[in-house]
PDB file of N, CA and C in Angstrom:
ATOM      1  N   UNK A   1      60.068  77.679 117.573  1.00  0.00           N
ATOM      2  CA  UNK A   1      61.262  76.816 117.185  1.00  0.00           C
ATOM      3  C   UNK A   1      62.401  77.270 116.914  1.00  0.00           C
ATOM      4  N   UNK A   2      62.404  78.334 116.128  1.00  0.00           N
ATOM      5  CA  UNK A   2      63.581  79.150 115.422  1.00  0.00           C
ATOM      6  C   UNK A   2      64.328  79.730 116.766  1.00  0.00           C
ATOM      7  N   UNK A   3      63.674  80.291 117.786  1.00  0.00           N
ATOM      8  CA  UNK A   3      64.299  80.828 118.714  1.00  0.00           C
ATOM      9  C   UNK A   3      65.026  79.780 119.689  1.00  0.00           C
ATOM     10  N   UNK A   4      64.791  78.726 119.790  1.00  0.00           N
ATOM     11  CA  UNK A   4      65.174  77.544 120.311  1.00  0.00           C
ATOM     12  C   UNK A   4      66.742  77.371 119.694  1.00  0.00           C
ATOM     13  N   UNK A   5      66.208  77.022 118.641  1.00  0.00           N
ATOM     14  CA  UNK A   5      67.814  76.708 117.464  1.00  0.00           C
ATOM     15  C   UNK A   5      68.579  78.017 117.653  1.00  0.00           C
ATOM     16  N   UNK A   6      68.397  79.216 117.712  1.00  0.00           N
ATOM     17  CA  UNK A   6      69.207  80.164 117.710  1.00  0.00           C
ATOM     18  C   UNK A   6      69.948  80.307 118.991  1.00  0.00           C
ATOM     19  N   UNK A   7      69.269  79.851 119.942  1.00  0.00           N
ATOM     20  CA  UNK A   7      69.641  79.921 121.652  1.00  0.00           C
ATOM     21  C   UNK A   7      70.712  78.759 121.846  1.00  0.00           C
ATOM     22  N   UNK A   8      70.130  77.647 120.845  1.00  0.00           N
ATOM     23  CA  UNK A   8      71.278  76.381 120.920  1.00  0.00           C
ATOM     24  C   UNK A   8      72.487  76.785 120.323  1.00  0.00           C
ATOM     25  N   UNK A   9      72.324  77.386 119.080  1.00  0.00           N
ATOM     26  CA  UNK A   9      73.756  77.880 118.326  1.00  0.00           C
ATOM     27  C   UNK A   9      74.458  78.872 119.202  1.00  0.00           C
ATOM     28  N   UNK A  10      73.714  79.916 120.041  1.00  0.00           N
ATOM     29  CA  UNK A  10      74.679  80.703 120.805  1.00  0.00           C
ATOM     30  C   UNK A  10      75.103  79.996 122.068  1.00  0.00           C
ATOM     31  N   UNK A  11      74.612  78.958 122.570  1.00  0.00           N
ATOM     32  CA  UNK A  11      75.142  78.276 123.646  1.00  0.00           C
ATOM     33  C   UNK A  11      76.325  77.314 123.084  1.00  0.00           C
ATOM     34  N   UNK A  12      76.318  76.832 121.875  1.00  0.00           N
ATOM     35  CA  UNK A  12      77.450  76.177 121.361  1.00  0.00           C
ATOM     36  C   UNK A  12      78.596  77.013 121.427  1.00  0.00           C
ATOM     37  N   UNK A  13      78.239  78.218 120.587  1.00  0.00           N
ATOM     38  CA  UNK A  13      79.343  79.022 120.486  1.00  0.00           C
ATOM     39  C   UNK A  13      80.099  79.738 121.549  1.00  0.00           C
ATOM     40  N   UNK A  14      79.307  79.733 122.734  1.00  0.00           N
ATOM     41  CA  UNK A  14      79.779  80.279 123.918  1.00  0.00           C
ATOM     42  C   UNK A  14      80.772  79.186 124.580  1.00  0.00           C
ATOM     43  N   UNK A  15      80.385  77.825 124.282  1.00  0.00           N
ATOM     44  CA  UNK A  15      81.047  76.579 124.774  1.00  0.00           C
ATOM     45  C   UNK A  15      82.287  76.363 124.030  1.00  0.00           C
ATOM     46  N   UNK A  16      82.342  76.966 122.664  1.00  0.00           N
ATOM     47  CA  UNK A  16      83.472  76.679 121.653  1.00  0.00           C
ATOM     48  C   UNK A  16      84.540  77.925 122.175  1.00  0.00           C
ATOM     49  N   UNK A  17      83.994  78.977 122.535  1.00  0.00           N
ATOM     50  CA  UNK A  17      84.836  80.165 122.830  1.00  0.00           C
ATOM     51  C   UNK A  17      85.416  79.699 124.160  1.00  0.00           C
ATOM     52  N   UNK A  18      84.479  79.302 125.217  1.00  0.00           N
ATOM     53  CA  UNK A  18      85.155  78.788 126.517  1.00  0.00           C
ATOM     54  C   UNK A  18      86.405  77.832 126.174  1.00  0.00           C
ATOM     55  N   UNK A  19      86.165  76.801 125.553  1.00  0.00           N
ATOM     56  CA  UNK A  19      86.925  75.795 125.352  1.00  0.00           C
ATOM     57  C   UNK A  19      88.422  76.157 124.721  1.00  0.00           C
ATOM     58  N   UNK A  20      88.213  77.207 123.728  1.00  0.00           N
ATOM     59  CA  UNK A  20      89.512  77.828 123.150  1.00  0.00           C
ATOM     60  C   UNK A  20      90.079  78.567 124.122  1.00  0.00           C
ATOM     61  N   UNK A  21      89.692  79.489 125.011  1.00  0.00           N
ATOM     62  CA  UNK A  21      89.992  80.381 126.096  1.00  0.00           C
ATOM     63  C   UNK A  21      90.682  79.301 127.128  1.00  0.00           C
ATOM     64  N   UNK A  22      90.107  78.247 127.597  1.00  0.00           N
ATOM     65  CA  UNK A  22      90.689  77.468 128.281  1.00  0.00           C
ATOM     66  C   UNK A  22      92.018  76.588 128.019  1.00  0.00           C
ATOM     67  N   UNK A  23      91.802  76.260 126.680  1.00  0.00           N
ATOM     68  CA  UNK A  23      93.147  75.696 125.816  1.00  0.00           C
ATOM     69  C   UNK A  23      94.255  76.572 125.773  1.00  0.00           C
ATOM     70  N   UNK A  24      93.969  77.841 125.663  1.00  0.00           N
ATOM     71  CA  UNK A  24      95.064  78.911 125.662  1.00  0.00           C
ATOM     72  C   UNK A  24      95.783  79.055 126.913  1.00  0.00           C
ATOM     73  N   UNK A  25      94.799  79.299 127.959  1.00  0.00           N
ATOM     74  CA  UNK A  25      95.413  79.184 129.242  1.00  0.00           C
ATOM     75  C   UNK A  25      96.240  77.975 129.559  1.00  0.00           C
ATOM     76  N   UNK A  26      95.601  77.043 129.294  1.00  0.00           N
ATOM     77  CA  UNK A  26      96.335  75.694 129.988  1.00  0.00           C
ATOM     78  C   UNK A  26      97.626  75.694 129.026  1.00  0.00           C
ATOM     79  N   UNK A  27      97.793  76.109 127.794  1.00  0.00           N
ATOM     80  CA  UNK A  27      98.952  76.261 127.162  1.00  0.00           C
ATOM     81  C   UNK A  27     100.014  77.049 127.592  1.00  0.00           C
ATOM     82  N   UNK A  28      99.684  78.349 127.945  1.00  0.00           N
ATOM     83  CA  UNK A  28     100.593  78.940 128.635  1.00  0.00           C
ATOM     84  C   UNK A  28     101.047  78.581 129.899  1.00  0.00           C
ATOM     85  N   UNK A  29     100.025  77.833 130.950  1.00  0.00           N
ATOM     86  CA  UNK A  29     100.629  77.281 132.146  1.00  0.00           C
ATOM     87  C   UNK A  29     101.376  76.186 132.075  1.00  0.00           C
ATOM     88  N   UNK A  30     101.355  75.407 130.771  1.00  0.00           N
ATOM     89  CA  UNK A  30     102.510  74.394 130.594  1.00  0.00           C
ATOM     90  C   UNK A  30     103.978  74.776 130.503  1.00  0.00           C
ATOM     91  N   UNK A  31     104.107  76.124 130.084  1.00  0.00           N
ATOM     92  CA  UNK A  31     105.484  76.571 129.954  1.00  0.00           C
ATOM     93  C   UNK A  31     106.192  77.143 131.182  1.00  0.00           C
ATOM     94  N   UNK A  32     107.409  77.171 131.350  1.00  0.00           N
ATOM     95  CA  UNK A  32     107.795  77.727 132.654  1.00  0.00           C
ATOM     96  C   UNK A  32     107.400  79.178 132.813  1.00  0.00           C
ATOM     97  N   UNK A  33     107.525  79.567 134.103  1.00  0.00           N
ATOM     98  CA  UNK A  33     106.907  80.859 134.123  1.00  0.00           C
ATOM     99  C   UNK A  33     107.485  82.001 133.448  1.00  0.00           C
ATOM    100  N   UNK A  34     108.849  81.881 133.321  1.00  0.00           N
ATOM    101  CA  UNK A  34     109.776  83.128 132.798  1.00  0.00           C
ATOM    102  C   UNK A  34     109.251  82.912 131.146  1.00  0.00           C
ATOM    103  N   UNK A  35     108.922  81.734 130.656  1.00  0.00           N
ATOM    104  CA  UNK A  35     108.541  81.753 129.044  1.00  0.00           C
ATOM    105  C   UNK A  35     107.209  81.987 128.773  1.00  0.00           C
ATOM    106  N   UNK A  36     106.321  82.341 129.516  1.00  0.00           N
ATOM    107  CA  UNK A  36     105.026  82.566 129.288  1.00  0.00           C
ATOM    108  C   UNK A  36     104.876  83.948 128.561  1.00  0.00           C
ATOM    109  N   UNK A  37     104.122  84.147 127.397  1.00  0.00           N
ATOM    110  CA  UNK A  37     103.767  85.147 126.459  1.00  0.00           C
ATOM    111  C   UNK A  37     102.619  85.859 126.799  1.00  0.00           C
ATOM    112  N   UNK A  38     101.565  84.755 127.069  1.00  0.00           N
ATOM    113  CA  UNK A  38     100.218  84.952 127.376  1.00  0.00           C
ATOM    114  C   UNK A  38      99.503  85.493 125.746  1.00  0.00           C
ATOM    115  N   UNK A  39     100.213  85.251 124.770  1.00  0.00           N
ATOM    116  CA  UNK A  39      99.427  85.667 123.409  1.00  0.00           C
ATOM    117  C   UNK A  39     100.238  84.734 122.362  1.00  0.00           C
ATOM    118  N   UNK A  40      99.210  84.052 121.465  1.00  0.00           N
ATOM    119  CA  UNK A  40      99.876  83.353 120.576  1.00  0.00           C
ATOM    120  C   UNK A  40      98.459  82.752 119.828  1.00  0.00           C
ATOM    121  N   UNK A  41      98.653  81.236 119.503  1.00  0.00           N
ATOM    122  CA  UNK A  41      97.356  80.861 118.472  1.00  0.00           C
ATOM    123  C   UNK A  41      96.943  79.274 119.269  1.00  0.00           C
ATOM    124  N   UNK A  42      95.677  79.260 119.343  1.00  0.00           N
ATOM    125  CA  UNK A  42      95.200  77.693 119.675  1.00  0.00           C
ATOM    126  C   UNK A  42      94.768  77.025 118.539  1.00  0.00           C
ATOM    127  N   UNK A  43      95.298  75.790 118.563  1.00  0.00           N
ATOM    128  CA  UNK A  43      94.824  74.736 117.362  1.00  0.00           C
ATOM    129  C   UNK A  43      95.760  75.597 115.945  1.00  0.00           C
ATOM    130  N   UNK A  44      96.776  76.396 116.173  1.00  0.00           N
ATOM    131  CA  UNK A  44      97.361  77.069 115.014  1.00  0.00           C
ATOM    132  C   UNK A  44      96.451  77.944 114.047  1.00  0.00           C
ATOM    133  N   UNK A  45      95.614  78.149 114.882  1.00  0.00           N
ATOM    134  CA  UNK A  45      94.457  79.225 114.095  1.00  0.00           C
ATOM    135  C   UNK A  45      93.868  80.167 114.804  1.00  0.00           C
ATOM    136  N   UNK A  46      93.549  79.960 116.015  1.00  0.00           N
ATOM    137  CA  UNK A  46      92.741  81.068 116.774  1.00  0.00           C
ATOM    138  C   UNK A  46      93.677  81.945 117.642  1.00  0.00           C
ATOM    139  N   UNK A  47      93.704  83.045 117.222  1.00  0.00           N
ATOM    140  CA  UNK A  47      94.633  84.049 118.130  1.00  0.00           C
ATOM    141  C   UNK A  47      93.937  84.198 119.564  1.00  0.00           C
ATOM    142  N   UNK A  48      94.865  84.300 120.467  1.00  0.00           N
ATOM    143  CA  UNK A  48      94.553  84.713 121.780  1.00  0.00           C
ATOM    144  C   UNK A  48      95.666  85.708 122.311  1.00  0.00           C
ATOM    145  N   UNK A  49      95.196  86.534 123.114  1.00  0.00           N
ATOM    146  CA  UNK A  49      95.939  87.657 123.763  1.00  0.00           C
ATOM    147  C   UNK A  49      95.527  87.986 125.208  1.00  0.00           C
ATOM    148  N   UNK A  50      96.169  87.431 126.113  1.00  0.00           N
ATOM    149  CA  UNK A  50      95.564  87.789 127.552  1.00  0.00           C
ATOM    150  C   UNK A  50      96.679  88.818 128.193  1.00  0.00           C
ATOM    151  N   UNK A  51      97.221  89.610 127.537  1.00  0.00           N
ATOM    152  CA  UNK A  51      98.472  90.534 128.094  1.00  0.00           C
ATOM    153  C   UNK A  51      97.442  91.831 128.177  1.00  0.00           C
ATOM    154  N   UNK A  52      97.896  92.768 129.241  1.00  0.00           N
ATOM    155  CA  UNK A  52      97.192  93.933 129.544  1.00  0.00           C
ATOM    156  C   UNK A  52      97.104  94.803 128.155  1.00  0.00           C
ATOM    157  N   UNK A  53      96.050  95.239 127.709  1.00  0.00           N
ATOM    158  CA  UNK A  53      96.017  95.895 126.674  1.00  0.00           C
ATOM    159  C   UNK A  53      96.913  97.364 126.470  1.00  0.00           C
ATOM    160  N   UNK A  54      97.357  97.652 125.521  1.00  0.00           N
ATOM    161  CA  UNK A  54      98.186  98.887 125.699  1.00  0.00           C
ATOM    162  C   UNK A  54      97.516  99.993 124.282  1.00  0.00           C
ATOM    163  N   UNK A  55      97.736 100.951 124.375  1.00  0.00           N
ATOM    164  CA  UNK A  55      97.009 102.150 123.678  1.00  0.00           C
ATOM    165  C   UNK A  55      97.387 101.829 122.167  1.00  0.00           C
ATOM    166  N   UNK A  56      98.912 101.330 121.884  1.00  0.00           N
ATOM    167  CA  UNK A  56      99.212 101.096 120.493  1.00  0.00           C
ATOM    168  C   UNK A  56      98.643  99.693 120.274  1.00  0.00           C
ATOM    169  N   UNK A  57      98.653  98.755 120.921  1.00  0.00           N
ATOM    170  CA  UNK A  57      97.856  97.401 120.315  1.00  0.00           C
ATOM    171  C   UNK A  57      96.180  97.609 119.871  1.00  0.00           C
ATOM    172  N   UNK A  58      95.681  98.359 120.953  1.00  0.00           N
ATOM    173  CA  UNK A  58      94.350  99.010 120.413  1.00  0.00           C
ATOM    174  C   UNK A  58      94.326  99.481 119.227  1.00  0.00           C
ATOM    175  N   UNK A  59      95.021 100.451 118.937  1.00  0.00           N
ATOM    176  CA  UNK A  59      94.969 101.340 117.782  1.00  0.00           C
ATOM    177  C   UNK A  59      95.297 100.237 116.591  1.00  0.00           C
ATOM    178  N   UNK A  60      96.457  99.313 116.776  1.00  0.00           N
ATOM    179  CA  UNK A  60      96.931  98.449 115.878  1.00  0.00           C
ATOM    180  C   UNK A  60      95.822  97.512 115.271  1.00  0.00           C
ATOM    181  N   UNK A  61      95.018  97.201 116.327  1.00  0.00           N
ATOM    182  CA  UNK A  61      94.336  96.123 116.023  1.00  0.00           C
ATOM    183  C   UNK A  61      92.522  96.481 115.619  1.00  0.00           C
ATOM    184  N   UNK A  62      92.301  97.699 116.113  1.00  0.00           N
ATOM    185  CA  UNK A  62      91.035  98.189 116.181  1.00  0.00           C
ATOM    186  C   UNK A  62      90.998  99.372 114.831  1.00  0.00           C
ATOM    187  N   UNK A  63      91.969 100.006 114.793  1.00  0.00           N
ATOM    188  CA  UNK A  63      92.085 101.374 113.605  1.00  0.00           C
ATOM    189  C   UNK A  63      93.437 101.029 112.848  1.00  0.00           C
ATOM    190  N   UNK A  64      93.320 100.407 111.944  1.00  0.00           N
ATOM    191  CA  UNK A  64      94.366 100.145 110.988  1.00  0.00           C
ATOM    192  C   UNK A  64      93.561 100.066 109.519  1.00  0.00           C
ATOM    193  N   UNK A  65      93.819 101.533 109.077  1.00  0.00           N
ATOM    194  CA  UNK A  65      93.004 101.453 107.545  1.00  0.00           C
ATOM    195  C   UNK A  65      93.493 100.518 106.788  1.00  0.00           C
ATOM    196  N   UNK A  66      94.874 100.250 106.715  1.00  0.00           N
ATOM    197  CA  UNK A  66      95.290  99.552 105.416  1.00  0.00           C
ATOM    198  C   UNK A  66      95.573  97.860 106.129  1.00  0.00           C
ATOM    199  N   UNK A  67      95.035  97.531 107.153  1.00  0.00           N
ATOM    200  CA  UNK A  67      95.079  96.083 107.609  1.00  0.00           C
ATOM    201  C   UNK A  67      94.015  95.358 106.905  1.00  0.00           C
ATOM    202  N   UNK A  68      93.743  94.331 107.238  1.00  0.00           N
ATOM    203  CA  UNK A  68      92.753  93.287 107.111  1.00  0.00           C
ATOM    204  C   UNK A  68      91.220  93.904 107.920  1.00  0.00           C
ATOM    205  N   UNK A  69      90.177  93.272 107.498  1.00  0.00           N
ATOM    206  CA  UNK A  69      88.882  93.498 107.956  1.00  0.00           C
ATOM    207  C   UNK A  69      88.816  93.013 109.547  1.00  0.00           C
ATOM    208  N   UNK A  70      89.556  91.958 109.735  1.00  0.00           N
ATOM    209  CA  UNK A  70      89.421  91.450 110.997  1.00  0.00           C
ATOM    210  C   UNK A  70      90.747  91.438 111.457  1.00  0.00           C
ATOM    211  N   UNK A  71      91.187  91.346 112.803  1.00  0.00           N
ATOM    212  CA  UNK A  71      92.289  91.317 113.279  1.00  0.00           C
ATOM    213  C   UNK A  71      92.283  90.649 114.824  1.00  0.00           C
ATOM    214  N   UNK A  72      93.212  90.232 115.524  1.00  0.00           N
ATOM    215  CA  UNK A  72      93.210  89.383 116.555  1.00  0.00           C
ATOM    216  C   UNK A  72      92.521  90.550 117.869  1.00  0.00           C
ATOM    217  N   UNK A  73      91.889  89.907 118.686  1.00  0.00           N
ATOM    218  CA  UNK A  73      91.358  90.249 119.808  1.00  0.00           C
ATOM    219  C   UNK A  73      92.386  91.100 120.456  1.00  0.00           C
ATOM    220  N   UNK A  74      92.040  92.467 121.017  1.00  0.00           N
ATOM    221  CA  UNK A  74      92.894  93.174 121.998  1.00  0.00           C
ATOM    222  C   UNK A  74      93.082  92.671 123.012  1.00  0.00           C
ATOM    223  N   UNK A  75      92.103  91.846 123.837  1.00  0.00           N
ATOM    224  CA  UNK A  75      92.167  91.069 124.853  1.00  0.00           C
ATOM    225  C   UNK A  75      91.238  90.051 124.749  1.00  0.00           C
ATOM    226  N   UNK A  76      91.641  88.692 124.977  1.00  0.00           N
ATOM    227  CA  UNK A  76      90.873  87.513 124.590  1.00  0.00           C
ATOM    228  C   UNK A  76      91.115  86.715 123.676  1.00  0.00           C
ATOM    229  N   UNK A  77      89.962  86.108 123.231  1.00  0.00           N
ATOM    230  CA  UNK A  77      90.197  85.077 122.185  1.00  0.00           C
ATOM    231  C   UNK A  77      89.398  85.150 120.921  1.00  0.00           C
ATOM    232  N   UNK A  78      90.269  85.068 119.907  1.00  0.00           N
ATOM    233  CA  UNK A  78      89.313  85.066 118.657  1.00  0.00           C
ATOM    234  C   UNK A  78      89.675  86.536 117.865  1.00  0.00           C
ATOM    235  N   UNK A  79      88.953  86.958 117.189  1.00  0.00           N
ATOM    236  CA  UNK A  79      89.131  88.146 116.360  1.00  0.00           C
ATOM    237  C   UNK A  79      88.043  89.212 116.468  1.00  0.00           C
ATOM    238  N   UNK A  80      88.340  90.435 115.949  1.00  0.00           N
ATOM    239  CA  UNK A  80      87.660  91.758 116.265  1.00  0.00           C
ATOM    240  C   UNK A  80      87.529  92.461 114.937  1.00  0.00           C
ATOM    241  N   UNK A  81      86.556  93.102 114.571  1.00  0.00           N
ATOM    242  CA  UNK A  81      86.651  93.886 113.406  1.00  0.00           C
ATOM    243  C   UNK A  81      87.586  95.223 113.467  1.00  0.00           C
ATOM    244  N   UNK A  82      88.215  95.174 112.525  1.00  0.00           N
ATOM    245  CA  UNK A  82      89.287  96.261 112.297  1.00  0.00           C
ATOM    246  C   UNK A  82      88.299  97.497 111.907  1.00  0.00           C
ATOM    247  N   UNK A  83      87.957  98.581 112.692  1.00  0.00           N
ATOM    248  CA  UNK A  83      86.917  99.650 112.459  1.00  0.00           C
ATOM    249  C   UNK A  83      87.565 100.562 111.242  1.00  0.00           C
ATOM    250  N   UNK A  84      89.206 100.723 111.374  1.00  0.00           N
ATOM    251  CA  UNK A  84      89.766 101.867 110.546  1.00  0.00           C
ATOM    252  C   UNK A  84      89.437 101.270 108.985  1.00  0.00           C
ATOM    253  N   UNK A  85      89.888 100.006 108.681  1.00  0.00           N
ATOM    254  CA  UNK A  85      89.620  99.552 107.434  1.00  0.00           C
ATOM    255  C   UNK A  85      87.910  99.588 106.835  1.00  0.00           C
ATOM    256  N   UNK A  86      87.103  99.187 107.795  1.00  0.00           N
ATOM    257  CA  UNK A  86      85.967  99.465 107.438  1.00  0.00           C
ATOM    258  C   UNK A  86      85.302 100.752 107.212  1.00  0.00           C
ATOM    259  N   UNK A  87      86.103 101.713 107.930  1.00  0.00           N
ATOM    260  CA  UNK A  87      85.856 103.163 107.739  1.00  0.00           C
ATOM    261  C   UNK A  87      86.606 103.568 106.221  1.00  0.00           C
ATOM    262  N   UNK A  88      87.701 103.279 106.088  1.00  0.00           N
ATOM    263  CA  UNK A  88      88.153 103.550 104.614  1.00  0.00           C
ATOM    264  C   UNK A  88      87.606 102.950 103.731  1.00  0.00           C
ATOM    265  N   UNK A  89      86.979 101.717 103.950  1.00  0.00           N
ATOM    266  CA  UNK A  89      86.166 101.112 102.662  1.00  0.00           C
ATOM    267  C   UNK A  89      84.617 101.802 102.688  1.00  0.00           C
ATOM    268  N   UNK A  90      84.033 102.318 103.733  1.00  0.00           N
ATOM    269  CA  UNK A  90      83.153 102.961 103.430  1.00  0.00           C
ATOM    270  C   UNK A  90      83.301 104.489 102.662  1.00  0.00           C
ATOM    271  N   UNK A  91      84.228 105.214 103.135  1.00  0.00           N
ATOM    272  CA  UNK A  91      84.694 106.365 102.428  1.00  0.00           C
ATOM    273  C   UNK A  91      84.915 105.988 101.019  1.00  0.00           C
ATOM    274  N   UNK A  92      85.753 105.075 100.913  1.00  0.00           N
ATOM    275  CA  UNK A  92      86.148 104.901  99.220  1.00  0.00           C
ATOM    276  C   UNK A  92      84.629 104.598  98.418  1.00  0.00           C
ATOM    277  N   UNK A  93      83.898 103.745  99.053  1.00  0.00           N
ATOM    278  CA  UNK A  93      82.421 103.374  98.212  1.00  0.00           C
ATOM    279  C   UNK A  93      81.707 104.831  98.228  1.00  0.00           C
ATOM    280  N   UNK A  94      81.697 105.507  99.077  1.00  0.00           N
ATOM    281  CA  UNK A  94      80.933 106.874  99.239  1.00  0.00           C
ATOM    282  C   UNK A  94      81.361 107.553  98.102  1.00  0.00           C
ATOM    283  N   UNK A  95      82.706 107.589  97.832  1.00  0.00           N
ATOM    284  CA  UNK A  95      83.322 108.714  96.725  1.00  0.00           C
ATOM    285  C   UNK A  95      82.973 108.014  95.448  1.00  0.00           C
ATOM    286  N   UNK A  96      82.311 107.148  94.994  1.00  0.00           N
ATOM    287  CA  UNK A  96      81.763 106.684  93.791  1.00  0.00           C
ATOM    288  C   UNK A  96      80.360 106.895  93.660  1.00  0.00           C
ATOM    289  N   UNK A  97      79.973 106.843  92.495  1.00  0.00           N
ATOM    290  CA  UNK A  97      78.856 107.222  91.920  1.00  0.00           C
ATOM    291  C   UNK A  97      77.682 105.990  92.108  1.00  0.00           C
ATOM    292  N   UNK A  98      78.071 104.981  92.122  1.00  0.00           N
ATOM    293  CA  UNK A  98      77.304 104.070  92.408  1.00  0.00           C
ATOM    294  C   UNK A  98      77.383 103.116  93.565  1.00  0.00           C
ATOM    295  N   UNK A  99      78.002 103.648  94.471  1.00  0.00           N
ATOM    296  CA  UNK A  99      78.171 103.067  95.806  1.00  0.00           C
ATOM    297  C   UNK A  99      78.475 101.256  95.880  1.00  0.00           C
ATOM    298  N   UNK A 100      79.145 100.956  94.846  1.00  0.00           N
ATOM    299  CA  UNK A 100      79.488  99.630  94.754  1.00  0.00           C
ATOM    300  C   UNK A 100      78.286  98.693  94.378  1.00  0.00           C
ATOM    301  N   UNK A 101      76.992  99.473  93.960  1.00  0.00           N
ATOM    302  CA  UNK A 101      75.861  98.528  93.642  1.00  0.00           C
ATOM    303  C   UNK A 101      75.497  97.830  92.257  1.00  0.00           C
ATOM    304  N   UNK A 102      76.278  98.656  91.323  1.00  0.00           N
ATOM    305  CA  UNK A 102      76.352  98.382  89.888  1.00  0.00           C
ATOM    306  C   UNK A 102      77.280  96.964  89.688  1.00  0.00           C
ATOM    307  N   UNK A 103      76.967  96.418  88.570  1.00  0.00           N
ATOM    308  CA  UNK A 103      77.523  94.917  88.379  1.00  0.00           C
ATOM    309  C   UNK A 103      78.614  95.153  87.509  1.00  0.00           C
TER     310      UNK A 103
END
């Protein structure tokens, strides 16, 4: 039974992602062709970026040690883990004696 529930949740999340992607594309297609930017937010919250990825954008979103733990996807809809920030956090915690386990 738990497997079916997990599968159901997975399907639901896929449909939600698809709906956000469709909404983002629809939003861009409503603009005149010369005003389309192919990046922005859906519902004022969920980021999207359908531009061709650049090295600079990949670095900015996936390896920014001083940014937040999540950042907008390099390409697509939603967020991604900022590996640079995660690595910085691991290094800082490894430098302490208690590894963040003490109260």
